[in-house]
Amino acid sequence: MLQSYAKFVSQIFFPELNAAAEFYKRLTQEVEQKKPGSRMLFARDEPKTSGDGSKTQIQLELELPPNDVLSELGICLPKNVQM
């Protein structure tokens, strides 16, 4: 029943969630093959730079999005469920 409810809620309120989750899952798998243990990072804004001529500092604000949205939310849909 939980899986049916998860499917219903995601279709009604977040119709693009499954496609986005699948994209990031495949992207994560691709990166994981090349560099095991990696995590995806998103920059919130453009990097801020400052310097005094001999030294440059770069400041970043990073987000750690989930690598597999559905599984990190505890939702595991059967393979034959189409969203």
PDB file of N, CA and C in Angstrom:
ATOM      1  N   MET A   1       0.819  -1.196   0.000  1.00  0.00           N
ATOM      2  CA  MET A   1       0.000   0.000   0.000  1.00  0.00           C
ATOM      3  C   MET A   1       0.866   1.264   0.000  1.00  0.00           C
ATOM      4  N   LEU A   2       1.964   1.239   0.752  1.00  0.00           N
ATOM      5  CA  LEU A   2       2.852   2.402   0.797  1.00  0.00           C
ATOM      6  C   LEU A   2       3.393   2.714  -0.596  1.00  0.00           C
ATOM      7  N   GLN A   3       3.759   1.676  -1.353  1.00  0.00           N
ATOM      8  CA  GLN A   3       4.297   1.900  -2.697  1.00  0.00           C
ATOM      9  C   GLN A   3       3.236   2.515  -3.608  1.00  0.00           C
ATOM     10  N   SER A   4       1.989   2.062  -3.493  1.00  0.00           N
ATOM     11  CA  SER A   4       0.903   2.622  -4.298  1.00  0.00           C
ATOM     12  C   SER A   4       0.667   4.088  -3.924  1.00  0.00           C
ATOM     13  N   TYR A   5       0.727   4.375  -2.629  1.00  0.00           N
ATOM     14  CA  TYR A   5       0.534   5.744  -2.165  1.00  0.00           C
ATOM     15  C   TYR A   5       1.675   6.634  -2.662  1.00  0.00           C
ATOM     16  N   ALA A   6       2.904   6.132  -2.594  1.00  0.00           N
ATOM     17  CA  ALA A   6       4.059   6.900  -3.067  1.00  0.00           C
ATOM     18  C   ALA A   6       3.914   7.216  -4.552  1.00  0.00           C
ATOM     19  N   LYS A   7       3.481   6.241  -5.321  1.00  0.00           N
ATOM     20  CA  LYS A   7       3.270   6.453  -6.752  1.00  0.00           C
ATOM     21  C   LYS A   7       2.194   7.512  -6.969  1.00  0.00           C
ATOM     22  N   PHE A   8       1.077   7.392  -6.250  1.00  0.00           N
ATOM     23  CA  PHE A   8      -0.033   8.335  -6.384  1.00  0.00           C
ATOM     24  C   PHE A   8       0.416   9.758  -6.046  1.00  0.00           C
ATOM     25  N   VAL A   9       1.053   9.926  -4.897  1.00  0.00           N
ATOM     26  CA  VAL A   9       1.481  11.256  -4.453  1.00  0.00           C
ATOM     27  C   VAL A   9       2.478  11.857  -5.428  1.00  0.00           C
ATOM     28  N   SER A  10       3.440  11.064  -5.880  1.00  0.00           N
ATOM     29  CA  SER A  10       4.441  11.619  -6.784  1.00  0.00           C
ATOM     30  C   SER A  10       3.833  11.981  -8.133  1.00  0.00           C
ATOM     31  N   GLN A  11       2.862  11.201  -8.615  1.00  0.00           N
ATOM     32  CA  GLN A  11       2.225  11.530  -9.888  1.00  0.00           C
ATOM     33  C   GLN A  11       1.376  12.798  -9.784  1.00  0.00           C
ATOM     34  N   ILE A  12       0.673  12.962  -8.680  1.00  0.00           N
ATOM     35  CA  ILE A  12      -0.219  14.105  -8.528  1.00  0.00           C
ATOM     36  C   ILE A  12       0.542  15.399  -8.232  1.00  0.00           C
ATOM     37  N   PHE A  13       1.445  15.358  -7.259  1.00  0.00           N
ATOM     38  CA  PHE A  13       2.102  16.583  -6.799  1.00  0.00           C
ATOM     39  C   PHE A  13       3.448  16.862  -7.459  1.00  0.00           C
ATOM     40  N   PHE A  14       4.136  15.820  -7.893  1.00  0.00           N
ATOM     41  CA  PHE A  14       5.475  15.986  -8.468  1.00  0.00           C
ATOM     42  C   PHE A  14       5.612  15.113  -9.714  1.00  0.00           C
ATOM     43  N   PRO A  15       4.884  15.409 -10.797  1.00  0.00           N
ATOM     44  CA  PRO A  15       4.896  14.527 -11.954  1.00  0.00           C
ATOM     45  C   PRO A  15       6.274  14.359 -12.591  1.00  0.00           C
ATOM     46  N   GLU A  16       7.160  15.315 -12.421  1.00  0.00           N
ATOM     47  CA  GLU A  16       8.486  15.203 -13.030  1.00  0.00           C
ATOM     48  C   GLU A  16       9.512  14.532 -12.101  1.00  0.00           C
ATOM     49  N   LEU A  17       9.104  14.170 -10.890  1.00  0.00           N
ATOM     50  CA  LEU A  17      10.037  13.601  -9.916  1.00  0.00           C
ATOM     51  C   LEU A  17      10.690  12.307 -10.409  1.00  0.00           C
ATOM     52  N   ASN A  18       9.904  11.390 -10.947  1.00  0.00           N
ATOM     53  CA  ASN A  18      10.479  10.110 -11.349  1.00  0.00           C
ATOM     54  C   ASN A  18      11.499  10.278 -12.467  1.00  0.00           C
ATOM     55  N   ALA A  19      11.194  11.106 -13.459  1.00  0.00           N
ATOM     56  CA  ALA A  19      12.140  11.336 -14.555  1.00  0.00           C
ATOM     57  C   ALA A  19      13.429  11.977 -14.038  1.00  0.00           C
ATOM     58  N   ALA A  20      13.296  12.965 -13.158  1.00  0.00           N
ATOM     59  CA  ALA A  20      14.480  13.622 -12.581  1.00  0.00           C
ATOM     60  C   ALA A  20      15.270  12.646 -11.721  1.00  0.00           C
ATOM     61  N   ALA A  21      14.569  11.868 -10.914  1.00  0.00           N
ATOM     62  CA  ALA A  21      15.239  10.889 -10.050  1.00  0.00           C
ATOM     63  C   ALA A  21      15.985   9.857 -10.885  1.00  0.00           C
ATOM     64  N   GLU A  22      15.378   9.413 -11.953  1.00  0.00           N
ATOM     65  CA  GLU A  22      16.024   8.425 -12.830  1.00  0.00           C
ATOM     66  C   GLU A  22      17.255   9.023 -13.508  1.00  0.00           C
ATOM     67  N   PHE A  23      17.162  10.286 -13.960  1.00  0.00           N
ATOM     68  CA  PHE A  23      18.304  10.960 -14.583  1.00  0.00           C
ATOM     69  C   PHE A  23      19.487  11.039 -13.613  1.00  0.00           C
ATOM     70  N   TYR A  24      19.231  11.519 -12.389  1.00  0.00           N
ATOM     71  CA  TYR A  24      20.315  11.664 -11.422  1.00  0.00           C
ATOM     72  C   TYR A  24      20.851  10.313 -10.962  1.00  0.00           C
ATOM     73  N   LYS A  25      19.994   9.308 -10.925  1.00  0.00           N
ATOM     74  CA  LYS A  25      20.457   7.963 -10.572  1.00  0.00           C
ATOM     75  C   LYS A  25      21.428   7.445 -11.632  1.00  0.00           C
ATOM     76  N   ARG A  26      21.075   7.624 -12.915  1.00  0.00           N
ATOM     77  CA  ARG A  26      21.973   7.188 -13.997  1.00  0.00           C
ATOM     78  C   ARG A  26      23.260   8.011 -14.002  1.00  0.00           C
ATOM     79  N   LEU A  27      23.141   9.325 -13.774  1.00  0.00           N
ATOM     80  CA  LEU A  27      24.324  10.184 -13.719  1.00  0.00           C
ATOM     81  C   LEU A  27      25.253   9.749 -12.586  1.00  0.00           C
ATOM     82  N   THR A  28      24.682   9.458 -11.427  1.00  0.00           N
ATOM     83  CA  THR A  28      25.463   9.007 -10.276  1.00  0.00           C
ATOM     84  C   THR A  28      26.155   7.687 -10.582  1.00  0.00           C
ATOM     85  N   GLN A  29      25.453   6.757 -11.225  1.00  0.00           N
ATOM     86  CA  GLN A  29      26.048   5.467 -11.577  1.00  0.00           C
ATOM     87  C   GLN A  29      27.227   5.652 -12.526  1.00  0.00           C
ATOM     88  N   GLU A  30      27.078   6.575 -13.481  1.00  0.00           N
ATOM     89  CA  GLU A  30      28.152   6.843 -14.431  1.00  0.00           C
ATOM     90  C   GLU A  30      29.392   7.394 -13.714  1.00  0.00           C
ATOM     91  N   VAL A  31      29.177   8.339 -12.817  1.00  0.00           N
ATOM     92  CA  VAL A  31      30.297   8.914 -12.072  1.00  0.00           C
ATOM     93  C   VAL A  31      30.905   7.869 -11.130  1.00  0.00           C
ATOM     94  N   GLU A  32      30.056   7.083 -10.477  1.00  0.00           N
ATOM     95  CA  GLU A  32      30.511   6.051  -9.542  1.00  0.00           C
ATOM     96  C   GLU A  32      31.422   5.037 -10.241  1.00  0.00           C
ATOM     97  N   GLN A  33      31.132   4.734 -11.505  1.00  0.00           N
ATOM     98  CA  GLN A  33      31.986   3.811 -12.265  1.00  0.00           C
ATOM     99  C   GLN A  33      33.379   4.392 -12.478  1.00  0.00           C
ATOM    100  N   LYS A  34      33.447   5.700 -12.693  1.00  0.00           N
ATOM    101  CA  LYS A  34      34.738   6.346 -12.951  1.00  0.00           C
ATOM    102  C   LYS A  34      35.482   6.702 -11.672  1.00  0.00           C
ATOM    103  N   LYS A  35      34.723   7.075 -10.624  1.00  0.00           N
ATOM    104  CA  LYS A  35      35.358   7.451  -9.360  1.00  0.00           C
ATOM    105  C   LYS A  35      34.480   6.964  -8.211  1.00  0.00           C
ATOM    106  N   PRO A  36      34.719   5.728  -7.745  1.00  0.00           N
ATOM    107  CA  PRO A  36      33.898   5.148  -6.669  1.00  0.00           C
ATOM    108  C   PRO A  36      33.901   6.023  -5.410  1.00  0.00           C
ATOM    109  N   GLY A  37      32.743   6.081  -4.761  1.00  0.00           N
ATOM    110  CA  GLY A  37      32.620   6.838  -3.519  1.00  0.00           C
ATOM    111  C   GLY A  37      32.320   8.314  -3.710  1.00  0.00           C
ATOM    112  N   SER A  38      32.147   8.747  -4.950  1.00  0.00           N
ATOM    113  CA  SER A  38      31.878  10.164  -5.219  1.00  0.00           C
ATOM    114  C   SER A  38      30.472  10.544  -4.809  1.00  0.00           C
ATOM    115  N   ARG A  39      30.282  11.833  -4.502  1.00  0.00           N
ATOM    116  CA  ARG A  39      28.964  12.400  -4.212  1.00  0.00           C
ATOM    117  C   ARG A  39      28.738  13.573  -5.161  1.00  0.00           C
ATOM    118  N   MET A  40      27.490  13.785  -5.516  1.00  0.00           N
ATOM    119  CA  MET A  40      27.134  14.895  -6.364  1.00  0.00           C
ATOM    120  C   MET A  40      27.087  16.170  -5.521  1.00  0.00           C
ATOM    121  N   LEU A  41      27.603  17.256  -6.067  1.00  0.00           N
ATOM    122  CA  LEU A  41      27.566  18.558  -5.411  1.00  0.00           C
ATOM    123  C   LEU A  41      26.988  19.581  -6.379  1.00  0.00           C
ATOM    124  N   PHE A  42      26.151  20.454  -5.868  1.00  0.00           N
ATOM    125  CA  PHE A  42      25.639  21.563  -6.667  1.00  0.00           C
ATOM    126  C   PHE A  42      26.128  22.853  -6.032  1.00  0.00           C
ATOM    127  N   ALA A  43      26.564  23.785  -6.863  1.00  0.00           N
ATOM    128  CA  ALA A  43      26.928  25.119  -6.382  1.00  0.00           C
ATOM    129  C   ALA A  43      25.667  25.974  -6.373  1.00  0.00           C
ATOM    130  N   ARG A  44      25.425  26.673  -5.256  1.00  0.00           N
ATOM    131  CA  ARG A  44      24.224  27.522  -5.151  1.00  0.00           C
ATOM    132  C   ARG A  44      24.307  28.726  -6.073  1.00  0.00           C
ATOM    133  N   ASP A  45      25.466  29.343  -6.156  1.00  0.00           N
ATOM    134  CA  ASP A  45      25.686  30.543  -6.971  1.00  0.00           C
ATOM    135  C   ASP A  45      27.042  30.444  -7.640  1.00  0.00           C
ATOM    136  N   GLU A  46      27.367  31.472  -8.367  1.00  0.00           N
ATOM    137  CA  GLU A  46      28.699  31.563  -8.960  1.00  0.00           C
ATOM    138  C   GLU A  46      29.739  31.661  -7.837  1.00  0.00           C
ATOM    139  N   PRO A  47      30.942  31.108  -8.051  1.00  0.00           N
ATOM    140  CA  PRO A  47      31.989  31.238  -7.030  1.00  0.00           C
ATOM    141  C   PRO A  47      32.342  32.702  -6.788  1.00  0.00           C
ATOM    142  N   LYS A  48      32.625  33.021  -5.523  1.00  0.00           N
ATOM    143  CA  LYS A  48      33.067  34.374  -5.159  1.00  0.00           C
ATOM    144  C   LYS A  48      34.578  34.331  -5.011  1.00  0.00           C
ATOM    145  N   THR A  49      35.243  35.220  -5.691  1.00  0.00           N
ATOM    146  CA  THR A  49      36.707  35.249  -5.623  1.00  0.00           C
ATOM    147  C   THR A  49      37.173  36.551  -4.984  1.00  0.00           C
ATOM    148  N   SER A  50      38.278  36.440  -4.294  1.00  0.00           N
ATOM    149  CA  SER A  50      38.936  37.616  -3.728  1.00  0.00           C
ATOM    150  C   SER A  50      40.428  37.332  -3.692  1.00  0.00           C
ATOM    151  N   GLY A  51      41.200  38.363  -3.665  1.00  0.00           N
ATOM    152  CA  GLY A  51      42.637  38.158  -3.643  1.00  0.00           C
ATOM    153  C   GLY A  51      43.393  39.432  -3.365  1.00  0.00           C
ATOM    154  N   ASP A  52      44.669  39.229  -3.050  1.00  0.00           N
ATOM    155  CA  ASP A  52      45.528  40.382  -2.758  1.00  0.00           C
ATOM    156  C   ASP A  52      46.685  40.482  -3.744  1.00  0.00           C
ATOM    157  N   GLY A  53      46.562  39.833  -4.878  1.00  0.00           N
ATOM    158  CA  GLY A  53      47.624  39.893  -5.875  1.00  0.00           C
ATOM    159  C   GLY A  53      48.443  38.617  -5.925  1.00  0.00           C
ATOM    160  N   SER A  54      48.887  38.125  -4.762  1.00  0.00           N
ATOM    161  CA  SER A  54      49.697  36.912  -4.754  1.00  0.00           C
ATOM    162  C   SER A  54      48.879  35.673  -4.393  1.00  0.00           C
ATOM    163  N   LYS A  55      47.692  35.898  -3.859  1.00  0.00           N
ATOM    164  CA  LYS A  55      46.869  34.775  -3.424  1.00  0.00           C
ATOM    165  C   LYS A  55      45.417  35.055  -3.785  1.00  0.00           C
ATOM    166  N   THR A  56      44.756  34.045  -4.336  1.00  0.00           N
ATOM    167  CA  THR A  56      43.341  34.163  -4.672  1.00  0.00           C
ATOM    168  C   THR A  56      42.550  33.175  -3.841  1.00  0.00           C
ATOM    169  N   GLN A  57      41.464  33.645  -3.271  1.00  0.00           N
ATOM    170  CA  GLN A  57      40.568  32.768  -2.517  1.00  0.00           C
ATOM    171  C   GLN A  57      39.273  32.613  -3.292  1.00  0.00           C
ATOM    172  N   ILE A  58      38.766  31.390  -3.298  1.00  0.00           N
ATOM    173  CA  ILE A  58      37.498  31.099  -3.959  1.00  0.00           C
ATOM    174  C   ILE A  58      36.540  30.579  -2.902  1.00  0.00           C
ATOM    175  N   GLN A  59      35.372  31.196  -2.834  1.00  0.00           N
ATOM    176  CA  GLN A  59      34.363  30.780  -1.865  1.00  0.00           C
ATOM    177  C   GLN A  59      33.171  30.205  -2.617  1.00  0.00           C
ATOM    178  N   LEU A  60      32.756  28.992  -2.212  1.00  0.00           N
ATOM    179  CA  LEU A  60      31.628  28.306  -2.835  1.00  0.00           C
ATOM    180  C   LEU A  60      30.592  27.950  -1.787  1.00  0.00           C
ATOM    181  N   GLU A  61      29.329  28.019  -2.163  1.00  0.00           N
ATOM    182  CA  GLU A  61      28.259  27.489  -1.327  1.00  0.00           C
ATOM    183  C   GLU A  61      27.751  26.249  -2.040  1.00  0.00           C
ATOM    184  N   LEU A  62      27.926  25.093  -1.400  1.00  0.00           N
ATOM    185  CA  LEU A  62      27.589  23.824  -2.038  1.00  0.00           C
ATOM    186  C   LEU A  62      26.395  23.150  -1.374  1.00  0.00           C
ATOM    187  N   GLU A  63      25.634  22.429  -2.175  1.00  0.00           N
ATOM    188  CA  GLU A  63      24.513  21.619  -1.716  1.00  0.00           C
ATOM    189  C   GLU A  63      24.853  20.165  -1.997  1.00  0.00           C
ATOM    190  N   LEU A  64      24.419  19.283  -1.123  1.00  0.00           N
ATOM    191  CA  LEU A  64      24.574  17.840  -1.330  1.00  0.00           C
ATOM    192  C   LEU A  64      23.208  17.244  -1.667  1.00  0.00           C
ATOM    193  N   PRO A  65      22.834  17.223  -2.957  1.00  0.00           N
ATOM    194  CA  PRO A  65      21.539  16.634  -3.301  1.00  0.00           C
ATOM    195  C   PRO A  65      21.606  15.115  -3.147  1.00  0.00           C
ATOM    196  N   PRO A  66      20.471  14.475  -2.993  1.00  0.00           N
ATOM    197  CA  PRO A  66      20.488  13.018  -2.892  1.00  0.00           C
ATOM    198  C   PRO A  66      20.926  12.388  -4.211  1.00  0.00           C
ATOM    199  N   ASN A  67      21.732  11.331  -4.141  1.00  0.00           N
ATOM    200  CA  ASN A  67      22.150  10.639  -5.347  1.00  0.00           C
ATOM    201  C   ASN A  67      21.033   9.782  -5.917  1.00  0.00           C
ATOM    202  N   ASP A  68      20.194   9.257  -5.075  1.00  0.00           N
ATOM    203  CA  ASP A  68      19.046   8.462  -5.510  1.00  0.00           C
ATOM    204  C   ASP A  68      17.854   8.936  -4.682  1.00  0.00           C
ATOM    205  N   VAL A  69      17.115   9.887  -5.220  1.00  0.00           N
ATOM    206  CA  VAL A  69      16.053  10.579  -4.477  1.00  0.00           C
ATOM    207  C   VAL A  69      15.079   9.606  -3.825  1.00  0.00           C
ATOM    208  N   LEU A  70      14.541   8.681  -4.593  1.00  0.00           N
ATOM    209  CA  LEU A  70      13.514   7.802  -4.056  1.00  0.00           C
ATOM    210  C   LEU A  70      14.053   6.898  -2.953  1.00  0.00           C
ATOM    211  N   SER A  71      15.208   6.280  -3.156  1.00  0.00           N
ATOM    212  CA  SER A  71      15.722   5.379  -2.112  1.00  0.00           C
ATOM    213  C   SER A  71      16.162   6.143  -0.869  1.00  0.00           C
ATOM    214  N   GLU A  72      16.683   7.355  -1.029  1.00  0.00           N
ATOM    215  CA  GLU A  72      17.083   8.131   0.135  1.00  0.00           C
ATOM    216  C   GLU A  72      15.875   8.646   0.917  1.00  0.00           C
ATOM    217  N   LEU A  73      14.698   8.642   0.282  1.00  0.00           N
ATOM    218  CA  LEU A  73      13.457   8.973   0.979  1.00  0.00           C
ATOM    219  C   LEU A  73      12.783   7.723   1.523  1.00  0.00           C
ATOM    220  N   GLY A  74      13.398   6.560   1.275  1.00  0.00           N
ATOM    221  CA  GLY A  74      12.833   5.304   1.756  1.00  0.00           C
ATOM    222  C   GLY A  74      11.735   4.751   0.871  1.00  0.00           C
ATOM    223  N   ILE A  75      11.657   5.240  -0.370  1.00  0.00           N
ATOM    224  CA  ILE A  75      10.639   4.764  -1.305  1.00  0.00           C
ATOM    225  C   ILE A  75      11.309   3.823  -2.299  1.00  0.00           C
ATOM    226  N   CYS A  76      10.835   2.612  -2.349  1.00  0.00           N
ATOM    227  CA  CYS A  76      11.379   1.612  -3.259  1.00  0.00           C
ATOM    228  C   CYS A  76      10.237   1.071  -4.106  1.00  0.00           C
ATOM    229  N   LEU A  77      10.156   1.543  -5.329  1.00  0.00           N
ATOM    230  CA  LEU A  77       9.096   1.102  -6.223  1.00  0.00           C
ATOM    231  C   LEU A  77       9.528  -0.164  -6.954  1.00  0.00           C
ATOM    232  N   PRO A  78       8.613  -1.104  -7.149  1.00  0.00           N
ATOM    233  CA  PRO A  78       8.945  -2.297  -7.952  1.00  0.00           C
ATOM    234  C   PRO A  78       9.340  -1.888  -9.356  1.00  0.00           C
ATOM    235  N   LYS A  79      10.177  -2.692 -10.001  1.00  0.00           N
ATOM    236  CA  LYS A  79      10.681  -2.382 -11.346  1.00  0.00           C
ATOM    237  C   LYS A  79       9.553  -2.232 -12.361  1.00  0.00           C
ATOM    238  N   ASN A  80       8.440  -2.982 -12.187  1.00  0.00           N
ATOM    239  CA  ASN A  80       7.374  -2.942 -13.187  1.00  0.00           C
ATOM    240  C   ASN A  80       6.400  -1.785 -12.992  1.00  0.00           C
ATOM    241  N   VAL A  81       6.625  -0.931 -11.999  1.00  0.00           N
ATOM    242  CA  VAL A  81       5.740   0.224 -11.776  1.00  0.00           C
ATOM    243  C   VAL A  81       6.203   1.352 -12.673  1.00  0.00           C
ATOM    244  N   GLN A  82       5.294   1.854 -13.488  1.00  0.00           N
ATOM    245  CA  GLN A  82       5.589   2.992 -14.354  1.00  0.00           C
ATOM    246  C   GLN A  82       5.000   4.238 -13.716  1.00  0.00           C
ATOM    247  N   MET A  83       5.786   5.302 -13.657  1.00  0.00           N
ATOM    248  CA  MET A  83       5.298   6.541 -13.041  1.00  0.00           C
ATOM    249  C   MET A  83       4.981   7.536 -14.125  1.00  0.00           C
TER     250      MET A  83
END
